[in-house]
Amino acid sequence: MKEYIALAIFVFIYILIVGRIRFKIPIWASMLIGAALMIGFQIISPESAFKAVQLDVIMFLFGMFSIVSALEKAGVLRMVAVKMLAKARSVNALLMIFVVGMGILSAFLVNDTIALIGIPLVVYISRQLNIRPAVFLISLAFSITVGSAMTPIGNPQNLLIAIQSGIAFPFTDFLKFLAVPTIINLFLTYYILRFYFKKELVLVDYQSIALDDST
């Protein structure tokens, strides 16, 4: 019986998350409702719920968000955007630099933080290219998801694996087995995105973009 109740709660919370704009319920509130229902229906005990909280992971994420937020306020993002535009000789080259660059950054600065700080970068580049933000926004989502698999600090799931698996040297072991596949998949992601957004990328007049560090 509990399995069916748990499944029903999962479906209910999933609907709340998917329809958060329509229902005007933030994700954190939906997750809190789900946790309360799970405890209220005794799917999980309060003691087990507290034990499931990984404080070391939460503190790690808090620290990473703080560091990346400081980098954003210091203007590092704007500098990265300008450097990307300056080095790329075509819009396709810019897309490749963006996908691979964001993927690698997510492996060392946690994909959640790169997802947040990458949005202003996407807006800036999209305005410079006069292209729909969705093109680079989707590229950001794919690149950080793929790139984060490379290290134990790339995403919270990897961090949990590194902590609970008992791996002696998680950082070197992750890189040993996942660095090459991740890099290959980042380039494959670029080619897939380039093909998918081919019509929009072709319309960009890249030579008309002003490459000015003071922008």
Protein backbone atom coordinates (compact mmCIF):
# COMPACT_ATOMS: atom_id res chain seq x y z
CA MET A 1 0.00 0.00 0.00
CA LYS A 2 2.80 2.40 0.90
CA GLU A 3 4.37 1.87 -2.52
CA TYR A 4 1.22 3.15 -4.25
CA ILE A 5 0.94 6.12 -1.92
CA ALA A 6 4.60 7.00 -2.52
CA LEU A 7 4.09 6.73 -6.28
CA ALA A 8 0.99 8.95 -6.07
CA ILE A 9 2.94 11.58 -4.10
CA PHE A 10 5.76 11.43 -6.65
CA VAL A 11 3.34 11.99 -9.54
CA PHE A 12 1.63 14.84 -7.68
CA ILE A 13 4.91 16.63 -6.93
CA TYR A 14 6.14 16.03 -10.48
CA ILE A 15 2.99 17.74 -11.81
CA LEU A 16 3.56 20.67 -9.43
CA ILE A 17 7.16 21.08 -10.63
CA VAL A 18 6.29 20.83 -14.33
CA GLY A 19 3.37 23.24 -13.93
CA ARG A 20 5.08 25.57 -11.46
CA ILE A 21 4.50 28.63 -13.67
CA ARG A 22 0.79 27.90 -13.98
CA PHE A 23 0.33 26.93 -10.33
CA LYS A 24 2.70 29.71 -9.17
CA ILE A 25 4.43 27.34 -6.75
CA PRO A 26 8.26 27.53 -6.61
CA ILE A 27 10.25 24.31 -6.89
CA TRP A 28 11.49 24.46 -3.30
CA ALA A 29 7.90 24.70 -2.04
CA SER A 30 6.85 21.69 -4.14
CA MET A 31 9.74 19.65 -2.78
CA LEU A 32 8.86 20.71 0.78
CA ILE A 33 5.25 19.62 0.22
CA GLY A 34 6.49 16.27 -1.10
CA ALA A 35 8.74 15.74 1.92
CA ALA A 36 5.90 16.62 4.30
CA LEU A 37 3.54 14.20 2.55
CA MET A 38 6.10 11.41 2.66
CA ILE A 39 6.53 11.87 6.41
CA GLY A 40 2.81 12.51 7.00
CA PHE A 41 1.81 9.26 5.30
CA GLN A 42 4.64 7.46 7.13
CA ILE A 43 6.41 6.46 3.93
CA ILE A 44 9.58 7.48 5.71
CA SER A 45 10.13 8.23 9.38
CA PRO A 46 11.34 11.67 10.55
CA GLU A 47 14.52 10.04 11.86
CA SER A 48 15.28 8.44 8.49
CA ALA A 49 14.51 11.73 6.74
CA PHE A 50 17.04 13.61 8.89
CA LYS A 51 19.64 10.89 8.37
CA ALA A 52 19.19 11.21 4.61
CA VAL A 53 20.29 14.86 4.73
CA GLN A 54 23.95 15.12 3.71
CA LEU A 55 25.24 18.21 5.49
CA ASP A 56 28.69 17.93 3.93
CA VAL A 57 27.13 18.06 0.45
CA ILE A 58 24.96 21.03 1.40
CA MET A 59 27.94 22.93 2.85
CA PHE A 60 30.02 22.12 -0.21
CA LEU A 61 27.30 23.48 -2.53
CA PHE A 62 26.91 26.57 -0.35
CA GLY A 63 30.63 27.23 -0.60
CA MET A 64 30.71 26.75 -4.36
CA PHE A 65 27.71 29.02 -4.88
CA SER A 66 29.41 31.69 -2.77
CA ILE A 67 32.65 31.48 -4.75
CA VAL A 68 30.93 31.58 -8.13
CA SER A 69 28.65 34.42 -7.01
CA ALA A 70 31.75 36.42 -6.09
CA LEU A 71 33.24 35.72 -9.52
CA GLU A 72 30.04 36.95 -11.14
CA LYS A 73 29.96 40.20 -9.16
CA ALA A 74 33.64 40.76 -9.94
CA GLY A 75 32.78 40.88 -13.65
CA VAL A 76 34.45 37.64 -14.62
CA LEU A 77 31.40 36.53 -16.63
CA ARG A 78 31.46 39.64 -18.81
CA MET A 79 35.16 39.15 -19.42
CA VAL A 80 34.59 35.50 -20.41
CA ALA A 81 31.81 36.52 -22.81
CA VAL A 82 34.00 39.10 -24.52
CA LYS A 83 36.93 36.67 -24.78
CA MET A 84 34.65 34.06 -26.34
CA LEU A 85 33.42 36.50 -28.96
CA ALA A 86 36.95 37.74 -29.64
CA LYS A 87 38.54 34.33 -30.14
CA ALA A 88 35.81 32.71 -32.23
CA ARG A 89 36.07 33.34 -35.98
CA SER A 90 32.54 32.18 -36.73
CA VAL A 91 29.28 31.58 -34.95
CA ASN A 92 29.88 27.81 -35.17
CA ALA A 93 33.28 28.25 -33.53
CA LEU A 94 31.64 30.33 -30.81
CA LEU A 95 29.07 27.60 -30.18
CA MET A 96 31.84 25.00 -29.88
CA ILE A 97 33.84 27.16 -27.46
CA PHE A 98 30.69 27.81 -25.44
CA VAL A 99 29.63 24.15 -25.20
CA VAL A 100 33.09 22.77 -24.40
CA GLY A 101 33.98 25.70 -22.13
CA MET A 102 30.81 25.57 -20.06
CA GLY A 103 31.07 21.78 -19.86
CA ILE A 104 34.59 21.90 -18.46
CA LEU A 105 33.71 24.70 -16.05
CA SER A 106 30.77 22.66 -14.74
CA ALA A 107 33.12 19.78 -13.96
CA PHE A 108 35.11 21.93 -11.54
CA LEU A 109 32.57 24.52 -10.33
CA VAL A 110 29.43 22.31 -10.04
CA ASN A 111 26.86 22.31 -12.83
CA ASP A 112 24.22 23.98 -10.62
CA THR A 113 26.37 27.07 -10.18
CA ILE A 114 27.32 27.23 -13.87
CA ALA A 115 23.62 26.91 -14.74
CA LEU A 116 22.90 30.03 -12.70
CA ILE A 117 25.83 32.19 -13.72
CA GLY A 118 25.61 31.02 -17.34
CA ILE A 119 22.23 32.66 -17.90
CA PRO A 120 23.56 36.27 -17.93
CA LEU A 121 26.31 35.02 -20.24
CA VAL A 122 23.71 33.52 -22.58
CA VAL A 123 21.75 36.79 -22.61
CA TYR A 124 24.88 38.80 -23.37
CA ILE A 125 26.02 36.56 -26.22
CA SER A 126 22.49 36.30 -27.65
CA ARG A 127 22.19 40.09 -27.78
CA GLN A 128 25.55 40.40 -29.48
CA LEU A 129 24.57 37.79 -32.07
CA ASN A 130 20.97 38.99 -32.37
CA ILE A 131 19.82 35.40 -31.99
CA ARG A 132 17.16 33.72 -29.83
CA PRO A 133 18.46 33.14 -26.27
CA ALA A 134 16.96 29.63 -26.44
CA VAL A 135 19.77 28.55 -28.77
CA PHE A 136 22.54 29.12 -26.23
CA LEU A 137 20.28 28.41 -23.26
CA ILE A 138 19.66 24.87 -24.51
CA SER A 139 23.35 24.59 -25.35
CA LEU A 140 24.16 25.59 -21.76
CA ALA A 141 21.80 22.95 -20.35
CA PHE A 142 23.30 20.17 -22.46
CA SER A 143 26.93 21.18 -21.96
CA ILE A 144 26.82 21.44 -18.15
CA THR A 145 24.92 18.15 -17.87
CA VAL A 146 27.51 16.32 -19.96
CA GLY A 147 30.56 18.10 -18.57
CA SER A 148 29.64 17.62 -14.91
CA ALA A 149 30.05 13.85 -15.21
CA MET A 150 33.83 14.20 -15.38
CA THR A 151 34.64 14.87 -11.70
CA PRO A 152 33.21 14.04 -8.26
CA ILE A 153 32.44 17.74 -7.72
CA GLY A 154 30.72 18.21 -11.07
CA ASN A 155 27.27 17.59 -9.62
CA PRO A 156 25.74 16.62 -6.25
CA GLN A 157 25.08 13.06 -7.42
CA ASN A 158 28.74 12.47 -8.19
CA LEU A 159 29.66 13.96 -4.83
CA LEU A 160 27.36 11.53 -3.03
CA ILE A 161 28.91 8.63 -4.96
CA ALA A 162 32.41 9.81 -4.04
CA ILE A 163 31.49 10.12 -0.35
CA GLN A 164 29.48 6.94 0.12
CA SER A 165 31.35 4.56 -2.19
CA GLY A 166 34.58 4.66 -0.23
CA ILE A 167 36.73 5.42 -3.29
CA ALA A 168 40.25 6.17 -2.05
CA PHE A 169 41.07 8.81 -4.67
CA PRO A 170 37.73 9.90 -6.16
CA PHE A 171 39.03 12.91 -8.09
CA THR A 172 41.77 11.04 -9.93
CA ASP A 173 39.59 7.95 -10.44
CA PHE A 174 36.76 10.00 -11.93
CA LEU A 175 39.13 11.80 -14.28
CA LYS A 176 40.88 8.56 -15.24
CA PHE A 177 37.71 6.86 -16.43
CA LEU A 178 35.46 9.75 -17.37
CA ALA A 179 37.63 12.59 -18.71
CA VAL A 180 38.03 11.23 -22.25
CA PRO A 181 34.39 10.07 -22.68
CA THR A 182 33.16 13.42 -21.34
CA ILE A 183 35.29 15.47 -23.72
CA ILE A 184 34.21 13.30 -26.66
CA ASN A 185 30.57 13.72 -25.69
CA LEU A 186 30.96 17.49 -25.37
CA PHE A 187 32.14 17.67 -28.97
CA LEU A 188 29.33 15.33 -30.04
CA THR A 189 26.91 17.63 -28.22
CA TYR A 190 28.29 20.58 -30.17
CA TYR A 191 27.75 18.84 -33.52
CA ILE A 192 24.22 17.80 -32.56
CA LEU A 193 23.33 21.36 -31.49
CA ARG A 194 24.97 22.80 -34.58
CA PHE A 195 22.83 20.54 -36.77
CA TYR A 196 19.66 21.17 -34.76
CA PHE A 197 20.04 24.98 -34.82
CA LYS A 198 21.56 25.08 -38.31
CA LYS A 199 18.92 27.40 -39.77
CA GLU A 200 19.25 29.97 -37.00
CA LEU A 201 23.06 29.89 -36.92
CA VAL A 202 23.29 30.40 -40.68
CA LEU A 203 21.33 33.65 -40.40
CA VAL A 204 23.85 35.21 -38.01
CA ASP A 205 26.11 37.83 -39.61
CA TYR A 206 29.07 37.22 -37.34
CA GLN A 207 31.26 39.91 -38.92
CA SER A 208 28.84 42.61 -37.75
CA ILE A 209 29.41 41.90 -34.06
CA ALA A 210 31.32 44.58 -32.17
CA LEU A 211 34.13 42.96 -30.19
CA ASP A 212 34.73 45.58 -27.58
CA ASP A 213 36.03 44.75 -24.09
CA SER A 214 34.23 47.77 -22.72
CA THR A 215 30.81 46.50 -23.86
